[in-house]
Amino acid sequence: MFDLEEALRELSRYNSYITDIRREVLLYEQLYCSEDSLAIINANLMDVFKIVQKSMFVSILTRVSAVFDSKSFGSDPNLSLDYFEYKYREFASEKLLNDFEAIKGRYKALNIKNFRDKLIAHNDQKTIFGDSSITHSIKNGDVMKLLNDARGFCIDLCYCLPGGIQTVLEVVPWELKKGRDGLELLRRMEAGK
């Protein structure tokens, strides 16, 4: 039986989670994905920023893996894209189900889950010592596009749900405010303030 209140609660929470990850990805890209940013970091506390970079990378991969996790682990459901596709599949249009497959295909092509599993979550001995290798194929902008598309899928799914849902997901600003973002941090470092 379809429960509108439950759908609203779940989809809103998922959107909030994605919003939080998008902020972290934006900050990461501002700090570590441009020549200008890297030049400032390399001139100021490079060793500290390497630790921050690794921590952020691990956090992002772990959280993105959760967004695209399987619908459940044993009998415990996971609040993931698979969960929503499975739970509300009967209401989804064919186009939306095709979009789901395309998003999941791009996620798999980036090899985030295997990289996270082998090198972050499980410290796989053979991978660490080179008996087997694993890489990801993430480029600047890939993770943000994936998160935007996952969120877009959920918004489109909302329009398919019974009850005439027009706006299910609270619109939460996800971009960091100018002057309060990674670029401002770098500007202040460069200026020595």
C-alpha atoms as a PDB file:
ATOM      1  CA  MET A   1       0.000   0.000   0.000  1.00  0.00           C
ATOM      2  CA  PHE A   2       1.383   3.377  -1.022  1.00  0.00           C
ATOM      3  CA  ASP A   3       2.023   5.767   1.871  1.00  0.00           C
ATOM      4  CA  LEU A   4       2.440   9.388   0.748  1.00  0.00           C
ATOM      5  CA  GLU A   5       3.815  10.581   4.107  1.00  0.00           C
ATOM      6  CA  GLU A   6       6.475   7.879   4.104  1.00  0.00           C
ATOM      7  CA  ALA A   7       7.450   8.688   0.517  1.00  0.00           C
ATOM      8  CA  LEU A   8       7.786  12.377   1.399  1.00  0.00           C
ATOM      9  CA  ARG A   9       9.896  11.614   4.462  1.00  0.00           C
ATOM     10  CA  GLU A  10      12.209   9.188   2.654  1.00  0.00           C
ATOM     11  CA  LEU A  11      12.706  11.258  -0.479  1.00  0.00           C
ATOM     12  CA  SER A  12      13.289  14.435   1.529  1.00  0.00           C
ATOM     13  CA  ARG A  13      15.916  12.717   3.682  1.00  0.00           C
ATOM     14  CA  TYR A  14      17.655  11.283   0.616  1.00  0.00           C
ATOM     15  CA  ASN A  15      17.666  14.713  -1.028  1.00  0.00           C
ATOM     16  CA  SER A  16      19.188  16.214   2.120  1.00  0.00           C
ATOM     17  CA  TYR A  17      21.926  13.569   2.077  1.00  0.00           C
ATOM     18  CA  ILE A  18      22.722  14.241  -1.584  1.00  0.00           C
ATOM     19  CA  THR A  19      22.738  17.992  -0.926  1.00  0.00           C
ATOM     20  CA  ASP A  20      25.300  17.546   1.824  1.00  0.00           C
ATOM     21  CA  ILE A  21      27.545  15.420  -0.413  1.00  0.00           C
ATOM     22  CA  ARG A  22      27.265  17.943  -3.250  1.00  0.00           C
ATOM     23  CA  ARG A  23      28.601  20.661  -0.936  1.00  0.00           C
ATOM     24  CA  GLU A  24      31.556  18.467  -0.042  1.00  0.00           C
ATOM     25  CA  VAL A  25      32.248  17.662  -3.709  1.00  0.00           C
ATOM     26  CA  LEU A  26      32.058  21.356  -4.627  1.00  0.00           C
ATOM     27  CA  LEU A  27      34.531  22.262  -1.876  1.00  0.00           C
ATOM     28  CA  TYR A  28      36.842  19.413  -2.951  1.00  0.00           C
ATOM     29  CA  GLU A  29      36.769  20.550  -6.575  1.00  0.00           C
ATOM     30  CA  GLN A  30      37.411  24.172  -5.585  1.00  0.00           C
ATOM     31  CA  LEU A  31      40.412  23.199  -3.479  1.00  0.00           C
ATOM     32  CA  TYR A  32      41.984  20.374  -5.473  1.00  0.00           C
ATOM     33  CA  CYS A  33      40.857  20.438  -9.097  1.00  0.00           C
ATOM     34  CA  SER A  34      42.438  23.548 -10.545  1.00  0.00           C
ATOM     35  CA  GLU A  35      46.012  24.565 -11.197  1.00  0.00           C
ATOM     36  CA  ASP A  36      45.506  27.911  -9.416  1.00  0.00           C
ATOM     37  CA  SER A  37      44.112  26.282  -6.268  1.00  0.00           C
ATOM     38  CA  LEU A  38      46.871  23.706  -6.165  1.00  0.00           C
ATOM     39  CA  ALA A  39      49.527  26.407  -6.546  1.00  0.00           C
ATOM     40  CA  ILE A  40      48.166  28.203  -3.468  1.00  0.00           C
ATOM     41  CA  ILE A  41      47.929  24.976  -1.474  1.00  0.00           C
ATOM     42  CA  ASN A  42      51.443  23.925  -2.463  1.00  0.00           C
ATOM     43  CA  ALA A  43      52.764  27.269  -1.212  1.00  0.00           C
ATOM     44  CA  ASN A  44      50.813  27.102   2.076  1.00  0.00           C
ATOM     45  CA  LEU A  45      50.626  24.100   4.388  1.00  0.00           C
ATOM     46  CA  MET A  46      50.795  21.526   1.599  1.00  0.00           C
ATOM     47  CA  ASP A  47      51.224  18.606   4.043  1.00  0.00           C
ATOM     48  CA  VAL A  48      48.093  19.608   5.961  1.00  0.00           C
ATOM     49  CA  PHE A  49      46.061  19.985   2.787  1.00  0.00           C
ATOM     50  CA  LYS A  50      47.190  16.550   1.562  1.00  0.00           C
ATOM     51  CA  ILE A  51      45.660  15.032   4.706  1.00  0.00           C
ATOM     52  CA  VAL A  52      42.477  17.053   4.209  1.00  0.00           C
ATOM     53  CA  GLN A  53      42.356  15.998   0.546  1.00  0.00           C
ATOM     54  CA  LYS A  54      42.640  12.307   1.367  1.00  0.00           C
ATOM     55  CA  SER A  55      40.018  12.575   4.112  1.00  0.00           C
ATOM     56  CA  MET A  56      37.617  14.378   1.807  1.00  0.00           C
ATOM     57  CA  PHE A  57      38.198  11.884  -1.015  1.00  0.00           C
ATOM     58  CA  VAL A  58      37.505   8.931   1.289  1.00  0.00           C
ATOM     59  CA  SER A  59      34.404  10.651   2.656  1.00  0.00           C
ATOM     60  CA  ILE A  60      33.065  11.471  -0.802  1.00  0.00           C
ATOM     61  CA  LEU A  61      33.608   7.964  -2.185  1.00  0.00           C
ATOM     62  CA  THR A  62      32.075   6.363   0.890  1.00  0.00           C
ATOM     63  CA  ARG A  63      29.024   8.604   0.808  1.00  0.00           C
ATOM     64  CA  VAL A  64      28.531   8.340  -2.952  1.00  0.00           C
ATOM     65  CA  SER A  65      28.718   4.551  -2.595  1.00  0.00           C
ATOM     66  CA  ALA A  66      25.899   4.767  -0.044  1.00  0.00           C
ATOM     67  CA  VAL A  67      23.769   6.831  -2.447  1.00  0.00           C
ATOM     68  CA  PHE A  68      24.130   4.064  -5.040  1.00  0.00           C
ATOM     69  CA  ASP A  69      24.100   1.104  -2.646  1.00  0.00           C
ATOM     70  CA  SER A  70      21.867  -1.944  -3.122  1.00  0.00           C
ATOM     71  CA  LYS A  71      18.255  -1.639  -2.000  1.00  0.00           C
ATOM     72  CA  SER A  72      18.944  -3.608   1.162  1.00  0.00           C
ATOM     73  CA  PHE A  73      21.536  -5.392   3.217  1.00  0.00           C
ATOM     74  CA  GLY A  74      19.864  -8.563   4.368  1.00  0.00           C
ATOM     75  CA  SER A  75      16.492  -7.513   5.727  1.00  0.00           C
ATOM     76  CA  ASP A  76      17.565  -3.921   6.426  1.00  0.00           C
ATOM     77  CA  PRO A  77      16.638  -1.482   3.646  1.00  0.00           C
ATOM     78  CA  ASN A  78      19.222   1.072   2.475  1.00  0.00           C
ATOM     79  CA  LEU A  79      18.050   4.567   1.607  1.00  0.00           C
ATOM     80  CA  SER A  80      19.584   4.446  -1.870  1.00  0.00           C
ATOM     81  CA  LEU A  81      18.679   5.029  -5.491  1.00  0.00           C
ATOM     82  CA  ASP A  82      18.075   1.274  -5.911  1.00  0.00           C
ATOM     83  CA  TYR A  83      15.699   1.359  -2.955  1.00  0.00           C
ATOM     84  CA  PHE A  84      13.557   4.093  -4.536  1.00  0.00           C
ATOM     85  CA  GLU A  85      13.559   2.462  -7.955  1.00  0.00           C
ATOM     86  CA  TYR A  86      12.494  -0.848  -6.395  1.00  0.00           C
ATOM     87  CA  LYS A  87       9.928   0.542  -3.963  1.00  0.00           C
ATOM     88  CA  TYR A  88       8.191   2.886  -6.415  1.00  0.00           C
ATOM     89  CA  ARG A  89       8.855   1.067  -9.687  1.00  0.00           C
ATOM     90  CA  GLU A  90       5.177   0.451 -10.355  1.00  0.00           C
ATOM     91  CA  PHE A  91       4.594   4.223 -10.549  1.00  0.00           C
ATOM     92  CA  ALA A  92       7.651   5.091 -12.666  1.00  0.00           C
ATOM     93  CA  SER A  93       7.433   5.767 -16.372  1.00  0.00           C
ATOM     94  CA  GLU A  94       9.470   3.727 -18.832  1.00  0.00           C
ATOM     95  CA  LYS A  95      11.614   6.794 -19.538  1.00  0.00           C
ATOM     96  CA  LEU A  96      12.351   7.203 -15.840  1.00  0.00           C
ATOM     97  CA  LEU A  97      13.331   3.535 -15.514  1.00  0.00           C
ATOM     98  CA  ASN A  98      15.660   3.985 -18.502  1.00  0.00           C
ATOM     99  CA  ASP A  99      17.144   7.061 -16.800  1.00  0.00           C
ATOM    100  CA  PHE A 100      17.729   4.942 -13.692  1.00  0.00           C
ATOM    101  CA  GLU A 101      19.621   2.339 -15.729  1.00  0.00           C
ATOM    102  CA  ALA A 102      21.724   5.050 -17.399  1.00  0.00           C
ATOM    103  CA  ILE A 103      22.638   6.631 -14.044  1.00  0.00           C
ATOM    104  CA  LYS A 104      23.557   3.262 -12.549  1.00  0.00           C
ATOM    105  CA  GLY A 105      25.593   2.445 -15.662  1.00  0.00           C
ATOM    106  CA  ARG A 106      27.613   5.661 -15.318  1.00  0.00           C
ATOM    107  CA  TYR A 107      28.166   4.971 -11.616  1.00  0.00           C
ATOM    108  CA  LYS A 108      29.472   1.478 -12.399  1.00  0.00           C
ATOM    109  CA  ALA A 109      31.688   2.813 -15.212  1.00  0.00           C
ATOM    110  CA  LEU A 110      33.438   5.160 -12.756  1.00  0.00           C
ATOM    111  CA  ASN A 111      34.333   2.088 -10.629  1.00  0.00           C
ATOM    112  CA  ILE A 112      33.730   3.994  -7.391  1.00  0.00           C
ATOM    113  CA  LYS A 113      32.287   1.043  -5.485  1.00  0.00           C
ATOM    114  CA  ASN A 114      35.071  -1.425  -6.292  1.00  0.00           C
ATOM    115  CA  PHE A 115      37.755   1.173  -5.580  1.00  0.00           C
ATOM    116  CA  ARG A 116      36.073   2.067  -2.289  1.00  0.00           C
ATOM    117  CA  ASP A 117      35.586  -1.586  -1.326  1.00  0.00           C
ATOM    118  CA  LYS A 118      39.132  -2.706  -2.095  1.00  0.00           C
ATOM    119  CA  LEU A 119      41.195   0.279  -0.947  1.00  0.00           C
ATOM    120  CA  ILE A 120      39.086   2.198   1.545  1.00  0.00           C
ATOM    121  CA  ALA A 121      36.654  -0.130   3.282  1.00  0.00           C
ATOM    122  CA  HIS A 122      38.524  -3.431   3.310  1.00  0.00           C
ATOM    123  CA  ASN A 123      42.238  -2.660   2.836  1.00  0.00           C
ATOM    124  CA  ASP A 124      42.515  -5.535   0.361  1.00  0.00           C
ATOM    125  CA  GLN A 125      45.998  -7.038   0.761  1.00  0.00           C
ATOM    126  CA  LYS A 126      46.440  -8.145  -2.875  1.00  0.00           C
ATOM    127  CA  THR A 127      45.429  -4.739  -4.174  1.00  0.00           C
ATOM    128  CA  ILE A 128      47.661  -2.849  -1.751  1.00  0.00           C
ATOM    129  CA  PHE A 129      50.726  -4.930  -2.590  1.00  0.00           C
ATOM    130  CA  GLY A 130      50.071  -4.956  -6.314  1.00  0.00           C
ATOM    131  CA  ASP A 131      49.097  -8.591  -6.927  1.00  0.00           C
ATOM    132  CA  SER A 132      45.862  -7.204  -8.349  1.00  0.00           C
ATOM    133  CA  SER A 133      45.048  -3.629  -9.229  1.00  0.00           C
ATOM    134  CA  ILE A 134      42.040  -1.417  -9.057  1.00  0.00           C
ATOM    135  CA  THR A 135      41.513   2.122 -10.274  1.00  0.00           C
ATOM    136  CA  HIS A 136      38.629   4.499 -10.622  1.00  0.00           C
ATOM    137  CA  SER A 137      37.934   6.602 -13.690  1.00  0.00           C
ATOM    138  CA  ILE A 138      36.612   9.714 -11.933  1.00  0.00           C
ATOM    139  CA  LYS A 139      37.318  13.013 -13.658  1.00  0.00           C
ATOM    140  CA  ASN A 140      36.520  16.531 -12.518  1.00  0.00           C
ATOM    141  CA  GLY A 141      32.729  17.003 -12.575  1.00  0.00           C
ATOM    142  CA  ASP A 142      31.806  13.279 -12.799  1.00  0.00           C
ATOM    143  CA  VAL A 143      30.695  12.871  -9.188  1.00  0.00           C
ATOM    144  CA  MET A 144      28.705  16.106  -9.189  1.00  0.00           C
ATOM    145  CA  LYS A 145      26.886  15.072 -12.384  1.00  0.00           C
ATOM    146  CA  LEU A 146      26.120  11.669 -10.878  1.00  0.00           C
ATOM    147  CA  LEU A 147      24.684  13.244  -7.720  1.00  0.00           C
ATOM    148  CA  ASN A 148      22.678  15.788  -9.718  1.00  0.00           C
ATOM    149  CA  ASP A 149      21.242  13.001 -11.860  1.00  0.00           C
ATOM    150  CA  ALA A 150      20.351  10.866  -8.815  1.00  0.00           C
ATOM    151  CA  ARG A 151      18.541  13.828  -7.319  1.00  0.00           C
ATOM    152  CA  GLY A 152      16.847  14.503 -10.664  1.00  0.00           C
ATOM    153  CA  PHE A 153      15.652  10.892 -10.778  1.00  0.00           C
ATOM    154  CA  CYS A 154      14.035  11.296  -7.357  1.00  0.00           C
ATOM    155  CA  ILE A 155      12.358  14.556  -8.340  1.00  0.00           C
ATOM    156  CA  ASP A 156      11.012  12.969 -11.526  1.00  0.00           C
ATOM    157  CA  LEU A 157       9.861   9.965  -9.505  1.00  0.00           C
ATOM    158  CA  CYS A 158       7.902  12.303  -7.239  1.00  0.00           C
ATOM    159  CA  TYR A 159       5.854  13.472 -10.197  1.00  0.00           C
ATOM    160  CA  CYS A 160       4.926   9.860 -10.933  1.00  0.00           C
ATOM    161  CA  LEU A 161       3.727   9.027  -7.411  1.00  0.00           C
ATOM    162  CA  PRO A 162      -0.004   8.946  -6.606  1.00  0.00           C
ATOM    163  CA  GLY A 163      -1.499  11.975  -4.941  1.00  0.00           C
ATOM    164  CA  GLY A 164      -0.453  14.588  -7.427  1.00  0.00           C
ATOM    165  CA  ILE A 165       2.797  15.403  -5.698  1.00  0.00           C
ATOM    166  CA  GLN A 166       4.072  18.610  -7.231  1.00  0.00           C
ATOM    167  CA  THR A 167       6.879  19.405  -4.815  1.00  0.00           C
ATOM    168  CA  VAL A 168       8.096  16.655  -2.565  1.00  0.00           C
ATOM    169  CA  LEU A 169      11.659  17.617  -2.003  1.00  0.00           C
ATOM    170  CA  GLU A 170      12.513  20.670  -0.001  1.00  0.00           C
ATOM    171  CA  VAL A 171      14.734  22.914  -2.061  1.00  0.00           C
ATOM    172  CA  VAL A 172      17.899  23.254  -0.013  1.00  0.00           C
ATOM    173  CA  PRO A 173      20.620  25.506  -1.365  1.00  0.00           C
ATOM    174  CA  TRP A 174      23.601  23.274  -1.868  1.00  0.00           C
ATOM    175  CA  GLU A 175      26.127  25.689  -3.273  1.00  0.00           C
ATOM    176  CA  LEU A 176      28.520  27.264  -0.831  1.00  0.00           C
ATOM    177  CA  LYS A 177      28.010  31.025  -0.621  1.00  0.00           C
ATOM    178  CA  LYS A 178      30.528  33.189  -2.433  1.00  0.00           C
ATOM    179  CA  GLY A 179      32.957  34.513   0.146  1.00  0.00           C
ATOM    180  CA  ARG A 180      32.300  31.489   2.378  1.00  0.00           C
ATOM    181  CA  ASP A 181      33.652  28.722   0.168  1.00  0.00           C
ATOM    182  CA  GLY A 182      36.880  26.985  -0.779  1.00  0.00           C
ATOM    183  CA  LEU A 183      37.869  29.793  -3.118  1.00  0.00           C
ATOM    184  CA  GLU A 184      37.634  32.298  -0.249  1.00  0.00           C
ATOM    185  CA  LEU A 185      39.769  30.026   1.921  1.00  0.00           C
ATOM    186  CA  LEU A 186      42.410  29.958  -0.819  1.00  0.00           C
ATOM    187  CA  ARG A 187      42.188  33.737  -1.344  1.00  0.00           C
ATOM    188  CA  ARG A 188      42.762  34.358   2.353  1.00  0.00           C
ATOM    189  CA  MET A 189      45.662  31.918   2.447  1.00  0.00           C
ATOM    190  CA  GLU A 190      47.282  33.603  -0.517  1.00  0.00           C
ATOM    191  CA  ALA A 191      46.760  37.036   1.038  1.00  0.00           C
ATOM    192  CA  GLY A 192      48.163  35.812   4.336  1.00  0.00           C
ATOM    193  CA  LYS A 193      45.033  36.602   6.354  1.00  0.00           C
END
